Amino acid sequence: MRRFSYEKPQTREDALKPKNETTDALFIAGGTDVRVQIKHREIQPSTLISRRNIPDLVRIDVNGKACIGALATIADIIRHPKLG
């Protein structure tokens, strides 16, 4: 199996840097399906870029309307005091 680097950026801007540096970098949230594909040698990315530590993607804001980040889970929404 080919080795790959694992990046954990804290901002959206930082997440784009490794993606712009190589054509085969992949964004992941959990990565379960990606790990299976790597194990079966279906894909061989040089870099995996986790989106889990980017606060903008996991946030939930409610100010007249709900703004839910792309990585907010159903459990996060249910537990939110203004949405659940």
C-alpha atoms as a PDB file:
ATOM      1  CA  MET A   1       0.000   0.000   0.000  1.00  0.00           C
ATOM      2  CA  ARG A   2       1.295   3.438  -0.934  1.00  0.00           C
ATOM      3  CA  ARG A   3       1.942   5.818   1.956  1.00  0.00           C
ATOM      4  CA  PHE A   4      -0.041   9.019   2.151  1.00  0.00           C
ATOM      5  CA  SER A   5       0.051  12.127   4.295  1.00  0.00           C
ATOM      6  CA  TYR A   6      -2.860  13.074   6.536  1.00  0.00           C
ATOM      7  CA  GLU A   7      -3.599  16.769   6.945  1.00  0.00           C
ATOM      8  CA  LYS A   8      -5.850  18.273   9.642  1.00  0.00           C
ATOM      9  CA  PRO A   9      -6.293  21.923   8.650  1.00  0.00           C
ATOM     10  CA  GLN A  10      -8.058  24.374  10.962  1.00  0.00           C
ATOM     11  CA  THR A  11      -9.418  26.718   8.258  1.00  0.00           C
ATOM     12  CA  ARG A  12     -10.920  26.383   4.797  1.00  0.00           C
ATOM     13  CA  GLU A  13      -7.983  28.298   3.360  1.00  0.00           C
ATOM     14  CA  ASP A  14      -5.488  25.880   4.931  1.00  0.00           C
ATOM     15  CA  ALA A  15      -7.492  22.946   3.552  1.00  0.00           C
ATOM     16  CA  LEU A  16      -7.044  24.204   0.014  1.00  0.00           C
ATOM     17  CA  LYS A  17      -3.239  24.378   0.190  1.00  0.00           C
ATOM     18  CA  PRO A  18      -2.526  20.620  -0.011  1.00  0.00           C
ATOM     19  CA  LYS A  19      -5.330  20.190  -2.549  1.00  0.00           C
ATOM     20  CA  ASN A  20      -3.704  22.789  -4.794  1.00  0.00           C
ATOM     21  CA  GLU A  21      -0.262  21.190  -4.369  1.00  0.00           C
ATOM     22  CA  THR A  22      -1.215  17.759  -5.730  1.00  0.00           C
ATOM     23  CA  THR A  23      -3.870  16.475  -8.101  1.00  0.00           C
ATOM     24  CA  ASP A  24      -4.683  13.301  -6.180  1.00  0.00           C
ATOM     25  CA  ALA A  25      -5.333  14.743  -2.704  1.00  0.00           C
ATOM     26  CA  LEU A  26      -8.759  13.863  -1.289  1.00  0.00           C
ATOM     27  CA  PHE A  27     -10.992  15.693   1.165  1.00  0.00           C
ATOM     28  CA  ILE A  28     -12.546  13.428   3.781  1.00  0.00           C
ATOM     29  CA  ALA A  29     -15.003  13.852   6.631  1.00  0.00           C
ATOM     30  CA  GLY A  30     -14.874  10.463   8.333  1.00  0.00           C
ATOM     31  CA  GLY A  31     -12.970   8.588   5.672  1.00  0.00           C
ATOM     32  CA  THR A  32     -14.390   5.106   6.238  1.00  0.00           C
ATOM     33  CA  ASP A  33     -15.224   4.527   2.587  1.00  0.00           C
ATOM     34  CA  VAL A  34     -11.902   6.028   1.483  1.00  0.00           C
ATOM     35  CA  ARG A  35      -9.916   3.733   3.782  1.00  0.00           C
ATOM     36  CA  VAL A  36     -11.698   0.699   2.312  1.00  0.00           C
ATOM     37  CA  GLN A  37     -10.902   1.886  -1.214  1.00  0.00           C
ATOM     38  CA  ILE A  38      -7.241   2.420  -0.263  1.00  0.00           C
ATOM     39  CA  LYS A  39      -7.053  -1.025   1.332  1.00  0.00           C
ATOM     40  CA  HIS A  40      -8.443  -2.623  -1.834  1.00  0.00           C
ATOM     41  CA  ARG A  41      -6.048  -0.520  -3.929  1.00  0.00           C
ATOM     42  CA  GLU A  42      -8.938   1.095  -5.788  1.00  0.00           C
ATOM     43  CA  ILE A  43      -7.446   4.529  -5.104  1.00  0.00           C
ATOM     44  CA  GLN A  44      -3.975   5.676  -4.049  1.00  0.00           C
ATOM     45  CA  PRO A  45      -4.116   9.295  -2.905  1.00  0.00           C
ATOM     46  CA  SER A  46      -0.926  11.058  -1.889  1.00  0.00           C
ATOM     47  CA  THR A  47      -2.760  13.139   0.734  1.00  0.00           C
ATOM     48  CA  LEU A  48      -5.958  12.886   2.763  1.00  0.00           C
ATOM     49  CA  ILE A  49      -7.321  16.218   3.983  1.00  0.00           C
ATOM     50  CA  SER A  50      -9.675  15.983   6.951  1.00  0.00           C
ATOM     51  CA  ARG A  51     -12.473  18.546   7.144  1.00  0.00           C
ATOM     52  CA  ARG A  52     -13.377  17.624  10.743  1.00  0.00           C
ATOM     53  CA  ASN A  53     -11.364  20.391  12.453  1.00  0.00           C
ATOM     54  CA  ILE A  54     -12.711  23.310  10.407  1.00  0.00           C
ATOM     55  CA  PRO A  55     -15.162  25.131  12.713  1.00  0.00           C
ATOM     56  CA  ASP A  56     -17.098  26.783   9.857  1.00  0.00           C
ATOM     57  CA  LEU A  57     -18.127  23.360   8.574  1.00  0.00           C
ATOM     58  CA  VAL A  58     -19.461  21.974  11.856  1.00  0.00           C
ATOM     59  CA  ARG A  59     -21.162  25.059  13.237  1.00  0.00           C
ATOM     60  CA  ILE A  60     -24.867  25.660  13.675  1.00  0.00           C
ATOM     61  CA  ASP A  61     -26.089  29.263  13.831  1.00  0.00           C
ATOM     62  CA  VAL A  62     -29.702  30.318  14.371  1.00  0.00           C
ATOM     63  CA  ASN A  63     -30.499  34.001  13.836  1.00  0.00           C
ATOM     64  CA  GLY A  64     -33.932  34.124  12.252  1.00  0.00           C
ATOM     65  CA  LYS A  65     -32.857  31.259  10.005  1.00  0.00           C
ATOM     66  CA  ALA A  66     -30.725  28.190  10.560  1.00  0.00           C
ATOM     67  CA  CYS A  67     -27.257  27.987   9.006  1.00  0.00           C
ATOM     68  CA  ILE A  68     -25.978  24.444   9.363  1.00  0.00           C
ATOM     69  CA  GLY A  69     -22.392  23.598   8.451  1.00  0.00           C
ATOM     70  CA  ALA A  70     -21.751  20.808   5.970  1.00  0.00           C
ATOM     71  CA  LEU A  71     -20.256  18.538   8.636  1.00  0.00           C
ATOM     72  CA  ALA A  72     -22.859  19.107  11.347  1.00  0.00           C
ATOM     73  CA  THR A  73     -24.385  15.756  12.223  1.00  0.00           C
ATOM     74  CA  ILE A  74     -28.043  14.936  12.787  1.00  0.00           C
ATOM     75  CA  ALA A  75     -27.162  14.423  16.463  1.00  0.00           C
ATOM     76  CA  ASP A  76     -25.680  17.959  16.564  1.00  0.00           C
ATOM     77  CA  ILE A  77     -28.910  19.351  15.134  1.00  0.00           C
ATOM     78  CA  ILE A  78     -31.114  17.389  17.542  1.00  0.00           C
ATOM     79  CA  ARG A  79     -29.029  18.528  20.543  1.00  0.00           C
ATOM     80  CA  HIS A  80     -29.018  22.184  19.473  1.00  0.00           C
ATOM     81  CA  PRO A  81     -31.165  24.181  21.946  1.00  0.00           C
ATOM     82  CA  LYS A  82     -33.020  26.127  19.228  1.00  0.00           C
ATOM     83  CA  LEU A  83     -33.495  23.303  16.736  1.00  0.00           C
ATOM     84  CA  GLY A  84     -33.936  20.055  18.669  1.00  0.00           C
END
